[in-house]
Amino acid sequence: MSVTKTVAPIALFAMSGCLGPDLDYGAKPTTFRYTEAGISGLNAVRPYPTPDDVCEVISENQAIREPANDGSFLIACPKHERGAINDRRGEGAKVIAYARHWTILSVPAS
C-alpha cells in the first residue's frame, strides 16, 4: 500500500475532529452503553460535577460556541443516562444540542 493511500484517510479522519460534532441527532439514545465523548465529536475536559460522574465538561468549538458566550459553560452527558441529565437540568442546566451518543447542556455560571 502506498504512503498516499495510507496517509489520506488518516488526515481526513484527523481533520473531521476539527470540524466539531454532528448536531443533527435527536434526544433518543442511539446506544445504551457508555461511549467516549470523542466518538461523538466532543472534546471532554473532566467529569462533572464530581470525578465519579458520567457527565463531562466539554470544550467549545465552532459548532457549539454561541450558547457559551453568556458566561455559562458546556457539559455533555450520555443520552442513555437520563438520571444524570435530569439532575443537571434540576440544577439549572439547559439542553442545547445532541451529538450522536451525548446530550449537550449549557450550565449557567454560578
C-alpha atoms as a PDB file:
ATOM      1  CA  MET A   1       0.000   0.000   0.000  1.00  0.00           C
ATOM      2  CA  SER A   2       1.401   3.407  -0.898  1.00  0.00           C
ATOM      3  CA  VAL A   3       2.032   6.125   1.670  1.00  0.00           C
ATOM      4  CA  THR A   4      -0.513   8.374  -0.059  1.00  0.00           C
ATOM      5  CA  LYS A   5      -3.284   5.780   0.302  1.00  0.00           C
ATOM      6  CA  THR A   6      -2.452   5.336   3.985  1.00  0.00           C
ATOM      7  CA  VAL A   7      -1.995   8.990   4.931  1.00  0.00           C
ATOM      8  CA  ALA A   8      -5.057  10.402   3.142  1.00  0.00           C
ATOM      9  CA  PRO A   9      -7.683   8.582   5.277  1.00  0.00           C
ATOM     10  CA  ILE A  10      -5.740   9.375   8.444  1.00  0.00           C
ATOM     11  CA  ALA A  11      -5.552  13.076   7.533  1.00  0.00           C
ATOM     12  CA  LEU A  12      -9.253  13.136   6.686  1.00  0.00           C
ATOM     13  CA  PHE A  13     -10.113  11.458   9.999  1.00  0.00           C
ATOM     14  CA  ALA A  14      -7.944  13.935  11.955  1.00  0.00           C
ATOM     15  CA  MET A  15      -9.452  16.919  10.149  1.00  0.00           C
ATOM     16  CA  SER A  16     -13.006  15.709  10.784  1.00  0.00           C
ATOM     17  CA  GLY A  17     -12.411  16.089  14.525  1.00  0.00           C
ATOM     18  CA  CYS A  18     -11.603  19.762  13.984  1.00  0.00           C
ATOM     19  CA  LEU A  19     -14.993  20.443  12.489  1.00  0.00           C
ATOM     20  CA  GLY A  20     -16.848  19.629  15.668  1.00  0.00           C
ATOM     21  CA  PRO A  21     -19.719  17.345  16.475  1.00  0.00           C
ATOM     22  CA  ASP A  22     -22.564  16.482  14.147  1.00  0.00           C
ATOM     23  CA  LEU A  23     -25.517  18.074  15.927  1.00  0.00           C
ATOM     24  CA  ASP A  24     -28.191  16.547  13.692  1.00  0.00           C
ATOM     25  CA  TYR A  25     -29.118  13.865  16.211  1.00  0.00           C
ATOM     26  CA  GLY A  26     -32.213  13.803  18.416  1.00  0.00           C
ATOM     27  CA  ALA A  27     -32.751  13.208  22.120  1.00  0.00           C
ATOM     28  CA  LYS A  28     -33.398   9.483  21.761  1.00  0.00           C
ATOM     29  CA  PRO A  29     -30.409   7.364  22.827  1.00  0.00           C
ATOM     30  CA  THR A  30     -28.512   5.806  19.929  1.00  0.00           C
ATOM     31  CA  THR A  31     -26.826   3.282  22.245  1.00  0.00           C
ATOM     32  CA  PHE A  32     -27.344   2.081  25.787  1.00  0.00           C
ATOM     33  CA  ARG A  33     -23.691   1.674  26.650  1.00  0.00           C
ATOM     34  CA  TYR A  34     -21.089   4.246  27.547  1.00  0.00           C
ATOM     35  CA  THR A  35     -19.003   5.614  24.664  1.00  0.00           C
ATOM     36  CA  GLU A  36     -16.155   8.114  24.766  1.00  0.00           C
ATOM     37  CA  ALA A  37     -17.224  11.707  24.101  1.00  0.00           C
ATOM     38  CA  GLY A  38     -14.678  11.928  21.270  1.00  0.00           C
ATOM     39  CA  ILE A  39     -16.632   9.346  19.254  1.00  0.00           C
ATOM     40  CA  SER A  40     -19.456  11.901  19.125  1.00  0.00           C
ATOM     41  CA  GLY A  41     -17.108  14.729  18.128  1.00  0.00           C
ATOM     42  CA  LEU A  42     -16.834  16.224  21.614  1.00  0.00           C
ATOM     43  CA  ASN A  43     -13.658  17.157  23.482  1.00  0.00           C
ATOM     44  CA  ALA A  44     -14.094  16.072  27.111  1.00  0.00           C
ATOM     45  CA  VAL A  45     -12.134  18.077  29.684  1.00  0.00           C
ATOM     46  CA  ARG A  46     -13.101  16.450  33.006  1.00  0.00           C
ATOM     47  CA  PRO A  47     -16.025  14.687  34.698  1.00  0.00           C
ATOM     48  CA  TYR A  48     -18.832  16.881  36.025  1.00  0.00           C
ATOM     49  CA  PRO A  49     -19.821  17.681  38.734  1.00  0.00           C
ATOM     50  CA  THR A  50     -17.516  15.223  40.545  1.00  0.00           C
ATOM     51  CA  PRO A  51     -14.771  12.865  39.340  1.00  0.00           C
ATOM     52  CA  ASP A  52     -17.192   9.930  39.730  1.00  0.00           C
ATOM     53  CA  ASP A  53     -19.911  11.319  37.427  1.00  0.00           C
ATOM     54  CA  VAL A  54     -20.691  10.311  33.827  1.00  0.00           C
ATOM     55  CA  CYS A  55     -21.216  13.852  32.531  1.00  0.00           C
ATOM     56  CA  GLU A  56     -18.197  15.738  31.191  1.00  0.00           C
ATOM     57  CA  VAL A  57     -17.236  19.383  30.895  1.00  0.00           C
ATOM     58  CA  ILE A  58     -16.556  19.834  27.172  1.00  0.00           C
ATOM     59  CA  SER A  59     -14.509  22.325  25.210  1.00  0.00           C
ATOM     60  CA  GLU A  60     -16.290  24.756  22.948  1.00  0.00           C
ATOM     61  CA  ASN A  61     -15.825  24.537  19.186  1.00  0.00           C
ATOM     62  CA  GLN A  62     -17.248  26.233  16.111  1.00  0.00           C
ATOM     63  CA  ALA A  63     -20.495  24.241  16.207  1.00  0.00           C
ATOM     64  CA  ILE A  64     -21.340  24.908  19.863  1.00  0.00           C
ATOM     65  CA  ARG A  65     -19.600  28.189  20.703  1.00  0.00           C
ATOM     66  CA  GLU A  66     -22.575  30.598  20.706  1.00  0.00           C
ATOM     67  CA  PRO A  67     -24.534  29.213  23.681  1.00  0.00           C
ATOM     68  CA  ALA A  68     -21.457  29.605  25.911  1.00  0.00           C
ATOM     69  CA  ASN A  69     -20.940  33.332  25.241  1.00  0.00           C
ATOM     70  CA  ASP A  70     -23.087  34.301  28.251  1.00  0.00           C
ATOM     71  CA  GLY A  71     -20.563  33.115  30.852  1.00  0.00           C
ATOM     72  CA  SER A  72     -22.028  29.624  31.047  1.00  0.00           C
ATOM     73  CA  PHE A  73     -20.002  26.510  30.343  1.00  0.00           C
ATOM     74  CA  LEU A  74     -20.806  23.371  28.416  1.00  0.00           C
ATOM     75  CA  ILE A  75     -21.207  19.822  29.618  1.00  0.00           C
ATOM     76  CA  ALA A  76     -22.320  16.648  27.909  1.00  0.00           C
ATOM     77  CA  CYS A  77     -23.947  13.551  29.342  1.00  0.00           C
ATOM     78  CA  PRO A  78     -24.516  10.186  27.640  1.00  0.00           C
ATOM     79  CA  LYS A  79     -28.064  10.225  26.238  1.00  0.00           C
ATOM     80  CA  HIS A  80     -28.995   6.995  27.990  1.00  0.00           C
ATOM     81  CA  GLU A  81     -28.059   8.483  31.391  1.00  0.00           C
ATOM     82  CA  ARG A  82     -31.488  10.083  31.919  1.00  0.00           C
ATOM     83  CA  GLY A  83     -30.976  10.393  35.688  1.00  0.00           C
ATOM     84  CA  ALA A  84     -27.759  12.379  35.250  1.00  0.00           C
ATOM     85  CA  ILE A  85     -29.349  14.615  32.603  1.00  0.00           C
ATOM     86  CA  ASN A  86     -32.370  15.264  34.821  1.00  0.00           C
ATOM     87  CA  ASP A  87     -30.096  16.033  37.785  1.00  0.00           C
ATOM     88  CA  ARG A  88     -28.152  18.591  35.725  1.00  0.00           C
ATOM     89  CA  ARG A  89     -31.386  20.146  34.435  1.00  0.00           C
ATOM     90  CA  GLY A  90     -32.662  20.333  38.021  1.00  0.00           C
ATOM     91  CA  GLU A  91     -29.549  22.353  38.831  1.00  0.00           C
ATOM     92  CA  GLY A  92     -30.338  24.860  36.073  1.00  0.00           C
ATOM     93  CA  ALA A  93     -28.588  23.375  33.020  1.00  0.00           C
ATOM     94  CA  LYS A  94     -30.379  23.653  29.668  1.00  0.00           C
ATOM     95  CA  VAL A  95     -30.224  21.136  26.835  1.00  0.00           C
ATOM     96  CA  ILE A  96     -28.850  22.923  23.777  1.00  0.00           C
ATOM     97  CA  ALA A  97     -27.984  20.119  21.334  1.00  0.00           C
ATOM     98  CA  TYR A  98     -27.447  16.429  20.739  1.00  0.00           C
ATOM     99  CA  ALA A  99     -24.270  14.875  19.371  1.00  0.00           C
ATOM    100  CA  ARG A 100     -24.524  11.218  18.371  1.00  0.00           C
ATOM    101  CA  HIS A 101     -24.485   9.439  21.781  1.00  0.00           C
ATOM    102  CA  TRP A 102     -24.372  12.550  24.017  1.00  0.00           C
ATOM    103  CA  THR A 103     -26.698  15.337  25.161  1.00  0.00           C
ATOM    104  CA  ILE A 104     -25.030  18.780  25.325  1.00  0.00           C
ATOM    105  CA  LEU A 105     -26.118  21.152  28.090  1.00  0.00           C
ATOM    106  CA  SER A 106     -25.284  24.740  28.965  1.00  0.00           C
ATOM    107  CA  VAL A 107     -24.623  25.241  32.691  1.00  0.00           C
ATOM    108  CA  PRO A 108     -25.123  28.801  33.994  1.00  0.00           C
ATOM    109  CA  ALA A 109     -22.132  30.423  35.669  1.00  0.00           C
ATOM    110  CA  SER A 110     -22.538  30.423  39.424  1.00  0.00           C
END
